[in-house]
Amino acid sequence: MDNNLPSSSVFSFLAQLPLLVTWVVGFAIAAAQKARHPRKMTLVMMALGIFIFNWCGHMVMSFVIPRLATYDSMSWMFFAQNMVSMLVSTVAWIIILIAILGGREEVSRLN
């Protein structure tokens, strides 16, 4: 095994940290705006939650796979990890598009 593997995983984590911060800030903004646009902000929060969960799972698996897999099976395990991660991200993007392009929601006004 490569002795530089943990350090390369840490560098990968650090390189992706701004993206995680963006998702967390976006989630907080959507939560703050939920009263004004409940349907859209719920969808945005759901999608950002999926992105965060997917990122965490991807990072954990990046540390686990090299320790559990044999050299021969490692490439297939990383391939499967990347495919699952891409499919989950695609679902999150579809939810974002539904939130953005979905019809107008009715705003109830109290008179």
C-alpha atoms as a PDB file:
ATOM      1  CA  MET A   1       0.000   0.000   0.000  1.00  0.00           C
ATOM      2  CA  ASP A   2       0.989   3.586  -0.567  1.00  0.00           C
ATOM      3  CA  ASN A   3       2.191   5.319   2.603  1.00  0.00           C
ATOM      4  CA  ASN A   4       1.104   8.703   1.202  1.00  0.00           C
ATOM      5  CA  LEU A   5      -2.543   7.629   1.014  1.00  0.00           C
ATOM      6  CA  PRO A   6      -3.746   9.291   4.235  1.00  0.00           C
ATOM      7  CA  SER A   7      -2.075  12.572   3.341  1.00  0.00           C
ATOM      8  CA  SER A   8      -3.563  12.533  -0.178  1.00  0.00           C
ATOM      9  CA  SER A   9      -7.015  11.906   1.308  1.00  0.00           C
ATOM     10  CA  VAL A  10      -6.525  14.818   3.700  1.00  0.00           C
ATOM     11  CA  PHE A  11      -5.515  17.084   0.810  1.00  0.00           C
ATOM     12  CA  SER A  12      -8.601  15.957  -1.102  1.00  0.00           C
ATOM     13  CA  PHE A  13     -10.724  16.807   1.954  1.00  0.00           C
ATOM     14  CA  LEU A  14      -9.134  20.253   2.278  1.00  0.00           C
ATOM     15  CA  ALA A  15      -9.540  20.971  -1.431  1.00  0.00           C
ATOM     16  CA  GLN A  16     -13.271  20.236  -1.225  1.00  0.00           C
ATOM     17  CA  LEU A  17     -13.878  22.081   2.035  1.00  0.00           C
ATOM     18  CA  PRO A  18     -15.023  25.358   0.339  1.00  0.00           C
ATOM     19  CA  LEU A  19     -17.759  23.391  -1.431  1.00  0.00           C
ATOM     20  CA  LEU A  20     -18.961  21.917   1.866  1.00  0.00           C
ATOM     21  CA  VAL A  21     -18.988  25.384   3.463  1.00  0.00           C
ATOM     22  CA  THR A  22     -21.029  26.703   0.508  1.00  0.00           C
ATOM     23  CA  TRP A  23     -23.615  23.942   0.948  1.00  0.00           C
ATOM     24  CA  VAL A  24     -23.866  24.548   4.704  1.00  0.00           C
ATOM     25  CA  VAL A  25     -24.268  28.323   4.228  1.00  0.00           C
ATOM     26  CA  GLY A  26     -26.839  27.718   1.479  1.00  0.00           C
ATOM     27  CA  PHE A  27     -28.750  25.388   3.785  1.00  0.00           C
ATOM     28  CA  ALA A  28     -28.777  28.053   6.511  1.00  0.00           C
ATOM     29  CA  ILE A  29     -29.985  30.743   4.093  1.00  0.00           C
ATOM     30  CA  ALA A  30     -32.720  28.441   2.775  1.00  0.00           C
ATOM     31  CA  ALA A  31     -33.813  27.667   6.339  1.00  0.00           C
ATOM     32  CA  ALA A  32     -34.015  31.393   7.087  1.00  0.00           C
ATOM     33  CA  GLN A  33     -36.119  32.000   3.947  1.00  0.00           C
ATOM     34  CA  LYS A  34     -38.416  29.014   4.463  1.00  0.00           C
ATOM     35  CA  ALA A  35     -41.277  31.100   5.876  1.00  0.00           C
ATOM     36  CA  ARG A  36     -41.425  33.215   2.700  1.00  0.00           C
ATOM     37  CA  HIS A  37     -41.133  30.353   0.204  1.00  0.00           C
ATOM     38  CA  PRO A  38     -41.862  27.095   2.033  1.00  0.00           C
ATOM     39  CA  ARG A  39     -42.017  24.711  -0.940  1.00  0.00           C
ATOM     40  CA  LYS A  40     -38.950  26.002  -2.770  1.00  0.00           C
ATOM     41  CA  MET A  41     -36.799  26.344   0.331  1.00  0.00           C
ATOM     42  CA  THR A  42     -37.770  22.869   1.541  1.00  0.00           C
ATOM     43  CA  LEU A  43     -36.645  21.454  -1.809  1.00  0.00           C
ATOM     44  CA  VAL A  44     -33.406  23.467  -1.675  1.00  0.00           C
ATOM     45  CA  MET A  45     -32.716  22.303   1.881  1.00  0.00           C
ATOM     46  CA  MET A  46     -33.436  18.703   0.860  1.00  0.00           C
ATOM     47  CA  ALA A  47     -31.043  18.914  -2.099  1.00  0.00           C
ATOM     48  CA  LEU A  48     -28.288  20.597  -0.077  1.00  0.00           C
ATOM     49  CA  GLY A  49     -28.730  17.982   2.652  1.00  0.00           C
ATOM     50  CA  ILE A  50     -28.293  15.267   0.024  1.00  0.00           C
ATOM     51  CA  PHE A  51     -25.143  16.977  -1.276  1.00  0.00           C
ATOM     52  CA  ILE A  52     -23.700  17.201   2.262  1.00  0.00           C
ATOM     53  CA  PHE A  53     -24.595  13.591   3.099  1.00  0.00           C
ATOM     54  CA  ASN A  54     -23.179  12.382  -0.220  1.00  0.00           C
ATOM     55  CA  TRP A  55     -19.950  14.322   0.313  1.00  0.00           C
ATOM     56  CA  CYS A  56     -19.513  12.897   3.816  1.00  0.00           C
ATOM     57  CA  GLY A  57     -20.125   9.361   2.572  1.00  0.00           C
ATOM     58  CA  HIS A  58     -17.699   9.865  -0.292  1.00  0.00           C
ATOM     59  CA  MET A  59     -14.987  11.130   2.049  1.00  0.00           C
ATOM     60  CA  VAL A  60     -15.488   8.257   4.504  1.00  0.00           C
ATOM     61  CA  MET A  61     -15.336   5.697   1.715  1.00  0.00           C
ATOM     62  CA  SER A  62     -12.178   7.320   0.355  1.00  0.00           C
ATOM     63  CA  PHE A  63     -10.532   6.474   3.674  1.00  0.00           C
ATOM     64  CA  VAL A  64     -12.156   3.038   4.108  1.00  0.00           C
ATOM     65  CA  ILE A  65     -11.775   1.476   0.657  1.00  0.00           C
ATOM     66  CA  PRO A  66      -7.955   1.455   0.589  1.00  0.00           C
ATOM     67  CA  ARG A  67      -7.877  -0.223   3.988  1.00  0.00           C
ATOM     68  CA  LEU A  68     -10.447  -2.927   3.202  1.00  0.00           C
ATOM     69  CA  ALA A  69      -9.929  -3.676  -0.465  1.00  0.00           C
ATOM     70  CA  THR A  70      -7.278  -5.788  -2.080  1.00  0.00           C
ATOM     71  CA  TYR A  71      -5.123  -4.147  -4.693  1.00  0.00           C
ATOM     72  CA  ASP A  72      -7.045  -5.942  -7.480  1.00  0.00           C
ATOM     73  CA  SER A  73     -10.512  -4.954  -6.253  1.00  0.00           C
ATOM     74  CA  MET A  74      -9.699  -1.363  -5.264  1.00  0.00           C
ATOM     75  CA  SER A  75     -10.280   0.149  -8.709  1.00  0.00           C
ATOM     76  CA  TRP A  76     -13.689  -1.538  -8.978  1.00  0.00           C
ATOM     77  CA  MET A  77     -14.658  -0.352  -5.505  1.00  0.00           C
ATOM     78  CA  PHE A  78     -13.666   3.222  -6.308  1.00  0.00           C
ATOM     79  CA  PHE A  79     -15.587   2.962  -9.594  1.00  0.00           C
ATOM     80  CA  ALA A  80     -18.707   1.791  -7.728  1.00  0.00           C
ATOM     81  CA  GLN A  81     -18.261   4.545  -5.131  1.00  0.00           C
ATOM     82  CA  ASN A  82     -18.002   7.200  -7.842  1.00  0.00           C
ATOM     83  CA  MET A  83     -21.039   5.853  -9.700  1.00  0.00           C
ATOM     84  CA  VAL A  84     -23.207   5.878  -6.565  1.00  0.00           C
ATOM     85  CA  SER A  85     -21.959   9.347  -5.653  1.00  0.00           C
ATOM     86  CA  MET A  86     -22.735  10.645  -9.146  1.00  0.00           C
ATOM     87  CA  LEU A  87     -26.247   9.153  -9.113  1.00  0.00           C
ATOM     88  CA  VAL A  88     -26.986  10.684  -5.695  1.00  0.00           C
ATOM     89  CA  SER A  89     -25.668  14.070  -6.880  1.00  0.00           C
ATOM     90  CA  THR A  90     -27.850  13.817  -9.968  1.00  0.00           C
ATOM     91  CA  VAL A  91     -30.926  13.323  -7.785  1.00  0.00           C
ATOM     92  CA  ALA A  92     -29.946  16.406  -5.752  1.00  0.00           C
ATOM     93  CA  TRP A  93     -29.520  18.465  -8.927  1.00  0.00           C
ATOM     94  CA  ILE A  94     -32.941  17.343 -10.179  1.00  0.00           C
ATOM     95  CA  ILE A  95     -34.458  18.541  -6.895  1.00  0.00           C
ATOM     96  CA  ILE A  96     -32.668  21.896  -7.296  1.00  0.00           C
ATOM     97  CA  LEU A  97     -34.052  22.240 -10.830  1.00  0.00           C
ATOM     98  CA  ILE A  98     -37.554  21.429  -9.615  1.00  0.00           C
ATOM     99  CA  ALA A  99     -37.189  24.109  -6.939  1.00  0.00           C
ATOM    100  CA  ILE A 100     -35.977  26.693  -9.446  1.00  0.00           C
ATOM    101  CA  LEU A 101     -38.191  25.863 -12.414  1.00  0.00           C
ATOM    102  CA  GLY A 102     -41.282  24.623 -10.600  1.00  0.00           C
ATOM    103  CA  GLY A 103     -44.486  26.604 -10.809  1.00  0.00           C
ATOM    104  CA  ARG A 104     -45.216  29.550  -8.607  1.00  0.00           C
ATOM    105  CA  GLU A 105     -46.400  28.710  -5.164  1.00  0.00           C
ATOM    106  CA  GLU A 106     -49.487  30.366  -3.794  1.00  0.00           C
ATOM    107  CA  VAL A 107     -48.681  32.878  -1.088  1.00  0.00           C
ATOM    108  CA  SER A 108     -51.387  33.102   1.517  1.00  0.00           C
ATOM    109  CA  ARG A 109     -51.946  36.649   2.735  1.00  0.00           C
ATOM    110  CA  LEU A 110     -53.767  37.482   5.891  1.00  0.00           C
ATOM    111  CA  ASN A 111     -55.891  40.636   5.541  1.00  0.00           C
END
